[in-house]
Protein backbone atom coordinates (compact mmCIF):
# COMPACT_ATOMS: atom_id res chain seq x y z
CA MET A 1 -15.74 45.94 15.16
CA ASP A 2 -15.10 48.92 16.50
CA ARG A 3 -14.75 51.54 14.43
CA ASP A 4 -11.74 53.33 16.11
CA LYS A 5 -9.78 49.55 16.39
CA LEU A 6 -10.65 49.01 12.63
CA LYS A 7 -9.11 52.46 11.77
CA GLN A 8 -5.80 51.61 13.77
CA GLU A 9 -5.88 48.09 12.16
CA HIS A 10 -5.37 50.17 8.45
CA HIS A 11 -2.90 52.53 9.88
CA PRO A 12 0.36 52.73 7.19
CA GLU A 13 2.33 51.05 9.29
CA GLN A 14 0.08 48.26 10.82
CA ILE A 15 -0.93 47.52 7.25
CA ARG A 16 3.20 47.12 6.50
CA GLU A 17 3.73 45.43 9.38
CA ARG A 18 0.74 42.39 8.80
CA LEU A 19 1.58 41.87 5.51
CA GLU A 20 4.66 41.35 6.27
CA ASN A 21 4.07 38.55 8.38
CA ASN A 22 1.78 36.94 6.91
CA GLU A 23 -0.24 34.57 9.04
CA PRO A 24 0.56 30.83 8.88
CA HIS A 25 -1.65 28.21 7.05
CA SER A 26 -4.48 27.36 9.76
CA HIS A 27 -4.88 23.61 10.49
CA LEU A 28 -8.69 24.35 12.01
CA GLY A 29 -9.38 22.54 8.38
CA ASP A 30 -7.24 19.68 9.55
CA ALA A 31 -8.37 19.53 12.83
CA VAL A 32 -12.08 19.51 11.85
CA LEU A 33 -11.76 16.86 9.92
CA GLY A 34 -9.85 14.57 11.94
CA ALA A 35 -12.02 15.09 15.02
CA VAL A 36 -15.25 13.97 13.26
CA ASP A 37 -13.91 11.05 11.57
CA GLY A 38 -11.96 9.88 14.93
CA ALA A 39 -15.67 10.26 16.69
CA VAL A 40 -17.36 9.13 13.72
CA THR A 41 -14.92 5.81 13.35
CA THR A 42 -13.85 4.64 16.44
CA PHE A 43 -18.17 5.26 17.67
CA ALA A 44 -19.20 3.34 14.81
CA VAL A 45 -16.77 0.19 16.03
CA VAL A 46 -17.86 0.84 19.30
CA ALA A 47 -21.89 0.45 18.29
CA GLY A 48 -20.84 -2.54 16.25
CA ALA A 49 -19.36 -4.58 18.65
CA TYR A 50 -21.47 -3.36 21.28
CA GLY A 51 -24.69 -4.65 19.65
CA ALA A 52 -23.16 -7.82 18.64
CA GLY A 53 -23.30 -8.65 21.95
CA PHE A 54 -19.24 -8.78 22.92
CA ASP A 55 -18.10 -8.32 26.28
CA LYS A 56 -17.01 -4.55 27.17
CA THR A 57 -13.12 -5.98 27.19
CA VAL A 58 -13.77 -6.20 23.10
CA VAL A 59 -15.30 -3.27 22.64
CA VAL A 60 -12.02 -1.24 24.21
CA VAL A 61 -9.86 -3.58 22.45
CA LEU A 62 -11.59 -3.07 18.68
CA GLY A 63 -12.04 0.85 19.22
CA PHE A 64 -8.43 1.35 20.40
CA ALA A 65 -7.47 -0.71 17.54
CA ASN A 66 -9.40 1.11 15.39
CA LEU A 67 -8.53 4.70 17.20
CA LEU A 68 -4.39 4.35 16.66
CA ALA A 69 -4.99 2.09 12.75
CA ASP A 70 -7.10 4.85 11.36
CA GLY A 71 -6.07 7.73 12.73
CA PHE A 72 -2.66 7.22 11.38
CA SER A 73 -3.99 6.21 8.07
CA MET A 74 -5.47 9.46 8.41
CA ALA A 75 -3.21 11.46 9.08
CA VAL A 76 -0.26 9.30 5.97
CA SER A 77 -3.08 10.56 3.52
CA ASN A 78 -3.48 13.70 4.41
CA TYR A 79 0.43 14.24 4.39
CA LEU A 80 0.62 12.59 1.21
CA GLY A 81 -2.33 14.97 -0.15
CA THR A 82 -0.23 17.93 0.83
CA LYS A 83 3.15 16.89 -0.05
CA SER A 84 1.40 16.10 -3.53
CA GLU A 85 -0.26 19.55 -4.00
CA ARG A 86 3.09 21.01 -3.10
CA HIS A 87 4.72 19.28 -5.88
CA ARG A 88 2.12 20.14 -7.97
CA VAL A 89 2.92 24.16 -7.39
CA GLU A 90 6.70 23.04 -7.68
CA LYS A 91 6.11 21.99 -11.20
CA ALA A 92 3.66 24.32 -12.28
CA SER A 93 6.52 26.71 -10.92
CA ARG A 94 9.07 24.89 -13.19
CA THR A 95 6.70 25.10 -16.10
CA GLU A 96 5.83 28.70 -16.13
CA GLU A 97 10.20 29.29 -15.74
CA LYS A 98 10.72 27.53 -18.70
CA HIS A 99 7.80 28.99 -21.02
CA ILE A 100 9.24 32.81 -19.55
CA ASP A 101 12.58 31.50 -21.27
CA HIS A 102 11.53 30.10 -24.46
CA VAL A 103 8.61 32.16 -25.39
CA PRO A 104 8.66 35.45 -23.41
CA ASP A 105 6.78 37.71 -25.85
CA GLY A 106 3.43 35.45 -25.30
CA GLU A 107 3.88 35.08 -21.38
CA ARG A 108 4.27 39.12 -21.21
CA GLU A 109 1.17 38.83 -23.67
CA GLU A 110 -0.74 36.26 -21.39
CA VAL A 111 0.02 39.07 -18.22
CA ARG A 112 -1.55 41.80 -20.43
CA GLN A 113 -4.74 40.12 -20.98
CA ILE A 114 -4.92 38.97 -17.43
CA PHE A 115 -4.93 42.71 -16.37
CA ALA A 116 -6.72 43.42 -19.36
CA GLY A 117 -9.35 41.58 -17.93
CA LYS A 118 -9.36 43.49 -14.08
CA GLY A 119 -9.88 46.59 -16.23
CA PHE A 120 -6.23 48.01 -16.79
CA GLU A 121 -6.07 50.04 -19.93
CA GLY A 122 -3.72 52.29 -22.18
CA GLU A 123 -0.24 53.57 -20.09
CA THR A 124 -1.40 52.00 -17.15
CA LEU A 125 -1.56 48.73 -18.47
CA GLU A 126 1.68 48.45 -19.98
CA SER A 127 3.70 49.89 -16.93
CA VAL A 128 1.53 46.95 -15.32
CA VAL A 129 2.84 44.33 -17.54
CA ASN A 130 6.36 45.98 -17.64
CA THR A 131 7.30 46.30 -13.84
CA ILE A 132 5.67 42.95 -13.43
CA THR A 133 7.86 40.96 -16.23
CA THR A 134 10.49 42.46 -15.26
CA ASP A 135 11.17 40.78 -11.72
CA ARG A 136 11.54 36.81 -12.85
CA LYS A 137 10.48 35.89 -9.40
CA LEU A 138 7.02 38.37 -9.63
CA TRP A 139 6.61 37.43 -12.72
CA VAL A 140 6.28 33.31 -12.28
CA GLU A 141 4.90 33.86 -9.08
CA THR A 142 1.72 36.02 -11.20
CA MET A 143 1.34 33.43 -13.55
CA LEU A 144 1.02 30.85 -11.00
CA THR A 145 -1.86 32.91 -8.90
CA GLU A 146 -3.27 34.73 -11.51
CA GLU A 147 -3.55 32.09 -14.58
CA LEU A 148 -3.53 28.71 -12.83
CA GLY A 149 -4.86 29.70 -9.56
CA LEU A 150 -2.55 28.27 -7.36
CA PRO A 151 -1.35 29.78 -3.37
CA LEU A 152 2.16 30.43 -3.35
CA GLU A 153 2.09 29.22 0.43
CA GLN A 154 1.98 25.71 1.10
CA PRO A 155 1.52 24.36 4.25
CA LYS A 156 3.85 21.75 5.76
CA PRO A 157 2.60 18.13 4.83
CA TYR A 158 3.89 17.22 8.29
CA LYS A 159 1.98 19.80 10.52
CA CYS A 160 -1.40 19.08 8.62
CA ALA A 161 -0.91 15.47 9.69
CA LEU A 162 0.00 15.93 13.19
CA ALA A 163 -3.43 18.40 12.88
CA THR A 164 -5.49 15.38 12.20
CA PHE A 165 -3.73 12.70 13.87
CA GLY A 166 -3.93 15.00 17.07
CA ALA A 167 -7.39 15.65 16.41
CA PHE A 168 -8.68 12.30 15.66
CA LEU A 169 -6.95 10.56 18.57
CA VAL A 170 -8.68 13.49 21.33
CA VAL A 171 -12.08 13.27 20.08
CA GLY A 172 -12.08 9.45 18.83
CA LEU A 173 -11.16 8.94 22.52
CA VAL A 174 -14.26 9.90 24.01
CA PRO A 175 -16.50 7.29 22.43
CA LEU A 176 -14.52 5.19 24.70
CA LEU A 177 -14.60 6.74 27.63
CA PRO A 178 -17.50 5.34 28.84
CA PHE A 179 -16.35 1.49 29.19
CA VAL A 180 -12.79 2.53 29.91
CA LEU A 181 -13.46 5.05 33.25
CA PRO A 182 -15.47 4.03 36.07
CA SER A 183 -19.17 4.72 35.59
CA ALA A 184 -21.92 5.15 37.46
CA PHE A 185 -24.20 3.50 34.80
CA PRO A 186 -22.43 0.52 34.02
CA ARG A 187 -25.62 -1.07 32.16
CA ARG A 188 -25.70 2.20 29.80
CA MET A 189 -22.72 2.84 28.71
CA PHE A 190 -23.36 2.30 24.91
CA LEU A 191 -26.01 5.02 25.78
CA VAL A 192 -23.71 7.58 27.37
CA SER A 193 -20.70 6.68 24.81
CA SER A 194 -23.43 8.09 22.15
CA ILE A 195 -24.51 11.04 24.27
CA ALA A 196 -20.81 11.55 24.90
CA THR A 197 -20.14 11.30 21.38
CA GLY A 198 -22.76 14.34 20.24
CA VAL A 199 -21.46 16.72 22.99
CA ALA A 200 -17.78 16.47 21.53
CA PHE A 201 -19.84 16.99 17.50
CA PHE A 202 -21.53 19.83 19.35
CA ALA A 203 -18.14 21.26 21.04
CA VAL A 204 -15.40 20.70 17.62
CA GLY A 205 -18.80 22.88 15.89
CA VAL A 206 -18.74 25.26 18.47
CA ILE A 207 -14.75 25.90 18.82
CA LYS A 208 -15.11 25.76 14.51
CA GLY A 209 -17.45 28.72 14.80
CA TRP A 210 -15.32 30.47 17.31
CA VAL A 211 -12.29 30.27 15.23
CA THR A 212 -14.03 31.35 12.35
CA ASP A 213 -16.18 33.87 13.86
CA ARG A 214 -19.10 32.49 12.90
CA PRO A 215 -22.46 32.32 15.24
CA TRP A 216 -21.59 29.31 17.81
CA LEU A 217 -24.36 27.88 18.03
CA ARG A 218 -25.35 27.57 14.36
CA SER A 219 -21.73 26.31 13.82
CA GLY A 220 -22.30 23.53 16.86
CA LEU A 221 -25.44 22.29 15.59
CA GLU A 222 -24.53 22.19 11.94
CA THR A 223 -21.36 19.80 13.25
CA LEU A 224 -23.79 18.30 15.26
CA LEU A 225 -25.70 16.64 12.64
CA THR A 226 -23.73 16.11 10.44
CA GLY A 227 -21.31 14.23 11.98
CA GLY A 228 -24.20 12.75 14.35
CA ALA A 229 -25.84 11.55 10.31
CA ALA A 230 -22.62 10.14 9.27
CA ALA A 231 -22.55 7.88 12.51
CA THR A 232 -26.02 6.78 12.49
CA LEU A 233 -25.68 5.92 8.68
CA ALA A 234 -22.21 3.76 10.12
CA PHE A 235 -24.17 2.00 12.91
CA MET A 236 -27.26 1.22 10.22
CA ALA A 237 -25.03 -0.25 7.79
CA GLY A 238 -23.16 -1.96 10.84
CA TYR A 239 -26.73 -3.74 12.20
CA TRP A 240 -27.82 -4.67 8.78
CA LEU A 241 -24.88 -5.86 8.27
CA ARG A 242 -24.72 -8.03 11.82
CA ARG A 243 -29.18 -9.36 10.58
CA ALA A 244 -28.13 -9.93 7.14
CA TYR A 245 -25.38 -12.05 7.31
CA GLY A 246 -25.04 -13.09 11.32
CA VAL A 247 -22.18 -11.40 11.64
């Protein structure tokens, strides 16, 4: 990064604005999870149906049914999981409030030991303890973050669910496109679907690398390999079941 730009970003005014306008929760993880799972599960359904010799129409119907049902199920799971985490933080906050009311000296000692462990001592340590324990809101927040390791800012459950569902639908649609759109290779639809799914995995990884400032090629290959391994495992399981039970 350019040194002058770095210095400008650390000007007191810039620091104040950055701290006052904290970046909202990133939904990249929710989107990547939905995108990879959408491609894997939809491709597994396509591979199983195509391998069983079903007509193209059946492949499309089963694929779209999975796309909507599994995508919605995953979004709901993410919504409930995120909401449960918010409830856990709220419960911990109420517990700390009660502790401060009933055993304030014990809670002060906890603050003292926490910051003593960070290297504070003597009058400086006592000043830190007094500053924190005279502000009830700060006191509770300090116990949540320093004692329990809980984040104060929690993402909105519905946004997490929408990020997961949207990415699931967009990327999960890729394996189905060769069976829906007119193709120059009508006898190679499954091969085209496999290649398109691999490209989708790689693209998701590249986007993830770009957002997280990591090498885009490495991130793309990593997602391609992990997603491809999951898709291969799903295909092998379906193939084995078809051979073993004649389904």
